[in-house]
C-alpha atoms as a PDB file:
ATOM      1  CA  UNK A   1      46.308  -7.335  67.049  1.00  0.00           C
ATOM      2  CA  UNK A   2      46.037  -8.128  70.714  1.00  0.00           C
ATOM      3  CA  UNK A   3      48.221  -6.593  73.366  1.00  0.00           C
ATOM      4  CA  UNK A   4      47.699  -7.349  77.021  1.00  0.00           C
ATOM      5  CA  UNK A   5      46.304  -4.368  78.915  1.00  0.00           C
ATOM      6  CA  UNK A   6      49.401  -4.200  81.124  1.00  0.00           C
ATOM      7  CA  UNK A   7      51.773  -4.087  78.109  1.00  0.00           C
ATOM      8  CA  UNK A   8      52.751  -0.659  76.812  1.00  0.00           C
ATOM      9  CA  UNK A   9      52.083  -0.222  73.077  1.00  0.00           C
ATOM     10  CA  UNK A  10      55.655   0.378  71.939  1.00  0.00           C
ATOM     11  CA  UNK A  11      56.475   0.559  68.250  1.00  0.00           C
ATOM     12  CA  UNK A  12      58.469  -2.672  68.465  1.00  0.00           C
ATOM     13  CA  UNK A  13      55.683  -4.534  70.257  1.00  0.00           C
ATOM     14  CA  UNK A  14      52.978  -3.352  67.839  1.00  0.00           C
ATOM     15  CA  UNK A  15      55.091  -4.160  64.766  1.00  0.00           C
ATOM     16  CA  UNK A  16      55.898  -7.635  66.091  1.00  0.00           C
ATOM     17  CA  UNK A  17      52.145  -8.337  66.120  1.00  0.00           C
ATOM     18  CA  UNK A  18      51.614  -7.432  62.448  1.00  0.00           C
ATOM     19  CA  UNK A  19      50.832 -10.196  59.990  1.00  0.00           C
ATOM     20  CA  UNK A  20      53.700 -10.173  57.423  1.00  0.00           C
ATOM     21  CA  UNK A  21      51.257 -11.291  54.711  1.00  0.00           C
ATOM     22  CA  UNK A  22      48.857  -8.397  55.222  1.00  0.00           C
ATOM     23  CA  UNK A  23      48.836  -5.400  52.923  1.00  0.00           C
ATOM     24  CA  UNK A  24      50.769  -2.442  54.293  1.00  0.00           C
ATOM     25  CA  UNK A  25      49.416   1.075  53.844  1.00  0.00           C
ATOM     26  CA  UNK A  26      51.863   3.974  53.689  1.00  0.00           C
ATOM     27  CA  UNK A  27      50.735   7.186  55.355  1.00  0.00           C
ATOM     28  CA  UNK A  28      52.266  10.567  54.576  1.00  0.00           C
ATOM     29  CA  UNK A  29      52.415  13.462  57.019  1.00  0.00           C
ATOM     30  CA  UNK A  30      51.238  16.741  55.531  1.00  0.00           C
ATOM     31  CA  UNK A  31      53.711  18.661  57.704  1.00  0.00           C
ATOM     32  CA  UNK A  32      56.722  16.480  56.982  1.00  0.00           C
ATOM     33  CA  UNK A  33      60.348  16.900  57.931  1.00  0.00           C
ATOM     34  CA  UNK A  34      62.683  15.939  55.054  1.00  0.00           C
ATOM     35  CA  UNK A  35      65.534  13.525  55.653  1.00  0.00           C
ATOM     36  CA  UNK A  36      68.882  13.043  53.952  1.00  0.00           C
ATOM     37  CA  UNK A  37      68.470  11.284  50.573  1.00  0.00           C
ATOM     38  CA  UNK A  38      71.866   9.619  50.490  1.00  0.00           C
ATOM     39  CA  UNK A  39      70.688   6.178  51.617  1.00  0.00           C
ATOM     40  CA  UNK A  40      67.976   6.171  48.954  1.00  0.00           C
ATOM     41  CA  UNK A  41      69.584   7.795  45.915  1.00  0.00           C
ATOM     42  CA  UNK A  42      73.018   9.235  45.274  1.00  0.00           C
ATOM     43  CA  UNK A  43      74.637  10.434  42.055  1.00  0.00           C
ATOM     44  CA  UNK A  44      73.799  11.775  38.614  1.00  0.00           C
ATOM     45  CA  UNK A  45      72.180   9.420  36.116  1.00  0.00           C
ATOM     46  CA  UNK A  46      70.662   9.685  32.697  1.00  0.00           C
ATOM     47  CA  UNK A  47      67.519   7.651  32.323  1.00  0.00           C
ATOM     48  CA  UNK A  48      64.917   6.282  29.972  1.00  0.00           C
ATOM     49  CA  UNK A  49      61.425   5.586  31.231  1.00  0.00           C
ATOM     50  CA  UNK A  50      58.238   3.744  30.516  1.00  0.00           C
ATOM     51  CA  UNK A  51      54.835   4.777  31.837  1.00  0.00           C
ATOM     52  CA  UNK A  52      52.576   1.876  30.980  1.00  0.00           C
ATOM     53  CA  UNK A  53      49.378   3.811  31.736  1.00  0.00           C
ATOM     54  CA  UNK A  54      50.187   6.745  29.439  1.00  0.00           C
ATOM     55  CA  UNK A  55      52.157   5.435  26.462  1.00  0.00           C
ATOM     56  CA  UNK A  56      53.774   2.389  24.983  1.00  0.00           C
ATOM     57  CA  UNK A  57      57.480   2.296  24.312  1.00  0.00           C
ATOM     58  CA  UNK A  58      60.325   3.909  26.137  1.00  0.00           C
ATOM     59  CA  UNK A  59      61.111   7.614  26.310  1.00  0.00           C
ATOM     60  CA  UNK A  60      64.878   7.997  26.008  1.00  0.00           C
ATOM     61  CA  UNK A  61      66.269  11.517  25.700  1.00  0.00           C
ATOM     62  CA  UNK A  62      69.928  12.453  26.210  1.00  0.00           C
ATOM     63  CA  UNK A  63      68.983  15.406  28.456  1.00  0.00           C
ATOM     64  CA  UNK A  64      66.856  13.392  30.916  1.00  0.00           C
ATOM     65  CA  UNK A  65      68.610  13.204  34.242  1.00  0.00           C
ATOM     66  CA  UNK A  66      68.216  12.175  37.876  1.00  0.00           C
ATOM     67  CA  UNK A  67      70.376  14.492  39.971  1.00  0.00           C
ATOM     68  CA  UNK A  68      70.969  13.631  43.626  1.00  0.00           C
ATOM     69  CA  UNK A  69      74.366  14.829  44.713  1.00  0.00           C
ATOM     70  CA  UNK A  70      75.003  15.233  48.397  1.00  0.00           C
ATOM     71  CA  UNK A  71      77.170  18.085  49.561  1.00  0.00           C
ATOM     72  CA  UNK A  72      78.965  16.386  52.436  1.00  0.00           C
ATOM     73  CA  UNK A  73      79.446  18.736  55.360  1.00  0.00           C
ATOM     74  CA  UNK A  74      77.268  21.399  53.765  1.00  0.00           C
ATOM     75  CA  UNK A  75      75.875  23.968  56.155  1.00  0.00           C
ATOM     76  CA  UNK A  76      72.806  23.890  53.930  1.00  0.00           C
ATOM     77  CA  UNK A  77      71.276  20.623  55.136  1.00  0.00           C
ATOM     78  CA  UNK A  78      68.258  21.068  52.869  1.00  0.00           C
ATOM     79  CA  UNK A  79      70.491  20.508  49.804  1.00  0.00           C
ATOM     80  CA  UNK A  80      71.056  16.936  50.991  1.00  0.00           C
ATOM     81  CA  UNK A  81      67.340  16.305  51.468  1.00  0.00           C
ATOM     82  CA  UNK A  82      66.229  16.777  47.845  1.00  0.00           C
ATOM     83  CA  UNK A  83      66.800  15.402  44.372  1.00  0.00           C
ATOM     84  CA  UNK A  84      65.674  16.462  40.903  1.00  0.00           C
ATOM     85  CA  UNK A  85      64.394  14.515  37.928  1.00  0.00           C
ATOM     86  CA  UNK A  86      64.605  16.304  34.575  1.00  0.00           C
ATOM     87  CA  UNK A  87      62.165  14.995  31.964  1.00  0.00           C
ATOM     88  CA  UNK A  88      62.275  15.784  28.245  1.00  0.00           C
ATOM     89  CA  UNK A  89      59.572  15.325  25.656  1.00  0.00           C
ATOM     90  CA  UNK A  90      60.201  12.376  23.348  1.00  0.00           C
ATOM     91  CA  UNK A  91      59.269  12.657  19.695  1.00  0.00           C
ATOM     92  CA  UNK A  92      56.086  10.809  18.816  1.00  0.00           C
ATOM     93  CA  UNK A  93      55.106  10.287  22.467  1.00  0.00           C
ATOM     94  CA  UNK A  94      52.366  12.776  23.277  1.00  0.00           C
ATOM     95  CA  UNK A  95      52.256  11.978  27.002  1.00  0.00           C
ATOM     96  CA  UNK A  96      55.911  12.860  27.616  1.00  0.00           C
ATOM     97  CA  UNK A  97      56.849  16.370  28.724  1.00  0.00           C
ATOM     98  CA  UNK A  98      59.642  18.847  29.373  1.00  0.00           C
ATOM     99  CA  UNK A  99      60.027  19.650  33.042  1.00  0.00           C
ATOM    100  CA  UNK A 100      61.954  19.314  36.262  1.00  0.00           C
ATOM    101  CA  UNK A 101      60.428  17.675  39.329  1.00  0.00           C
ATOM    102  CA  UNK A 102      62.067  18.335  42.694  1.00  0.00           C
ATOM    103  CA  UNK A 103      61.472  15.791  45.447  1.00  0.00           C
ATOM    104  CA  UNK A 104      62.139  15.950  49.190  1.00  0.00           C
ATOM    105  CA  UNK A 105      63.060  12.642  50.782  1.00  0.00           C
ATOM    106  CA  UNK A 106      60.735  11.571  53.582  1.00  0.00           C
ATOM    107  CA  UNK A 107      62.173   8.204  54.566  1.00  0.00           C
ATOM    108  CA  UNK A 108      63.226   4.810  53.302  1.00  0.00           C
ATOM    109  CA  UNK A 109      62.923   1.154  54.304  1.00  0.00           C
ATOM    110  CA  UNK A 110      63.824  -2.320  53.116  1.00  0.00           C
ATOM    111  CA  UNK A 111      61.666  -5.346  52.446  1.00  0.00           C
ATOM    112  CA  UNK A 112      64.009  -8.155  51.480  1.00  0.00           C
ATOM    113  CA  UNK A 113      66.131  -6.915  48.571  1.00  0.00           C
ATOM    114  CA  UNK A 114      63.654  -4.126  47.771  1.00  0.00           C
ATOM    115  CA  UNK A 115      64.580  -0.617  48.903  1.00  0.00           C
ATOM    116  CA  UNK A 116      61.552   1.682  49.136  1.00  0.00           C
ATOM    117  CA  UNK A 117      61.732   5.420  49.636  1.00  0.00           C
ATOM    118  CA  UNK A 118      58.927   7.925  50.070  1.00  0.00           C
ATOM    119  CA  UNK A 119      59.138  11.436  48.648  1.00  0.00           C
ATOM    120  CA  UNK A 120      57.178  14.689  48.360  1.00  0.00           C
ATOM    121  CA  UNK A 121      57.088  16.784  45.181  1.00  0.00           C
ATOM    122  CA  UNK A 122      58.159  20.195  46.518  1.00  0.00           C
ATOM    123  CA  UNK A 123      56.286  22.165  43.840  1.00  0.00           C
ATOM    124  CA  UNK A 124      52.951  20.291  44.073  1.00  0.00           C
ATOM    125  CA  UNK A 125      50.060  21.462  46.258  1.00  0.00           C
ATOM    126  CA  UNK A 126      47.468  18.769  45.429  1.00  0.00           C
ATOM    127  CA  UNK A 127      47.796  16.063  48.107  1.00  0.00           C
ATOM    128  CA  UNK A 128      47.055  13.171  45.745  1.00  0.00           C
ATOM    129  CA  UNK A 129      49.821  14.374  43.402  1.00  0.00           C
ATOM    130  CA  UNK A 130      52.384  15.486  45.984  1.00  0.00           C
ATOM    131  CA  UNK A 131      53.482  12.166  47.490  1.00  0.00           C
ATOM    132  CA  UNK A 132      55.129   9.256  45.673  1.00  0.00           C
ATOM    133  CA  UNK A 133      57.062   6.089  46.371  1.00  0.00           C
ATOM    134  CA  UNK A 134      60.165   4.868  44.624  1.00  0.00           C
ATOM    135  CA  UNK A 135      61.559   1.361  44.578  1.00  0.00           C
ATOM    136  CA  UNK A 136      65.114   0.165  43.982  1.00  0.00           C
ATOM    137  CA  UNK A 137      66.502  -3.337  44.119  1.00  0.00           C
ATOM    138  CA  UNK A 138      69.707  -3.612  46.163  1.00  0.00           C
ATOM    139  CA  UNK A 139      71.016  -6.216  43.701  1.00  0.00           C
ATOM    140  CA  UNK A 140      70.180  -4.259  40.514  1.00  0.00           C
ATOM    141  CA  UNK A 141      70.911  -0.520  40.380  1.00  0.00           C
ATOM    142  CA  UNK A 142      69.704  -0.143  36.799  1.00  0.00           C
ATOM    143  CA  UNK A 143      65.975   0.204  37.454  1.00  0.00           C
ATOM    144  CA  UNK A 144      63.931   2.555  39.569  1.00  0.00           C
ATOM    145  CA  UNK A 145      60.199   2.040  40.060  1.00  0.00           C
ATOM    146  CA  UNK A 146      57.916   5.028  40.624  1.00  0.00           C
ATOM    147  CA  UNK A 147      54.311   5.051  41.808  1.00  0.00           C
ATOM    148  CA  UNK A 148      51.820   7.424  40.167  1.00  0.00           C
ATOM    149  CA  UNK A 149      49.743   7.613  43.335  1.00  0.00           C
ATOM    150  CA  UNK A 150      50.746   8.104  46.967  1.00  0.00           C
ATOM    151  CA  UNK A 151      50.773   4.339  47.467  1.00  0.00           C
ATOM    152  CA  UNK A 152      53.842   2.198  48.031  1.00  0.00           C
ATOM    153  CA  UNK A 153      52.063  -1.152  48.004  1.00  0.00           C
ATOM    154  CA  UNK A 154      51.584  -0.956  44.217  1.00  0.00           C
ATOM    155  CA  UNK A 155      55.344  -1.365  43.742  1.00  0.00           C
ATOM    156  CA  UNK A 156      56.267  -5.060  43.857  1.00  0.00           C
ATOM    157  CA  UNK A 157      59.535  -5.488  41.909  1.00  0.00           C
ATOM    158  CA  UNK A 158      61.582  -3.071  39.809  1.00  0.00           C
ATOM    159  CA  UNK A 159      61.486  -5.445  36.844  1.00  0.00           C
ATOM    160  CA  UNK A 160      57.683  -5.508  36.680  1.00  0.00           C
ATOM    161  CA  UNK A 161      56.774  -2.099  38.069  1.00  0.00           C
ATOM    162  CA  UNK A 162      53.549  -0.567  36.870  1.00  0.00           C
ATOM    163  CA  UNK A 163      53.039   2.079  35.853  1.00  0.00           C
ATOM    164  CA  UNK A 164      56.414   3.881  35.661  1.00  0.00           C
ATOM    165  CA  UNK A 165      59.822   2.283  35.473  1.00  0.00           C
ATOM    166  CA  UNK A 166      63.030   4.242  34.928  1.00  0.00           C
ATOM    167  CA  UNK A 167      66.178   2.647  33.565  1.00  0.00           C
ATOM    168  CA  UNK A 168      69.231   4.457  34.939  1.00  0.00           C
ATOM    169  CA  UNK A 169      72.526   4.726  33.103  1.00  0.00           C
ATOM    170  CA  UNK A 170      75.593   6.938  33.317  1.00  0.00           C
END
């Protein structure tokens, strides 16, 4: 990137110089400030998921749930900055588990029809396990891609996400 020495390095100017074909690296702040999750995820959904690195097949359990309900006008702003995913162990799938993961929303952005959002697991202290990216397609609300590392560039499309893809249903 080349900026003239007399040009201030504004965010807009720097971004306009980026090659759109280059790989983008997502950086996470350790001392983050959560943001409202509404633009990224809103509602209560049951889900089935596949994790192609851990098991074959699809784990579908009636008690698995994504819960992201905003309390409009709430004096407790933090309630609107988090969502929960409840996992249940599926019979015959040793890599599945019972547990609830709470995420804080860190931000979201669009690349074409893909809607990315970055999150932090509120109960995780290990940096490589704390941060994740999710991917939704604005034209298809049925699938949600999830990274298993703090990298967003591994998520290409919700239909072909590796390793974890969630299928949402009500």
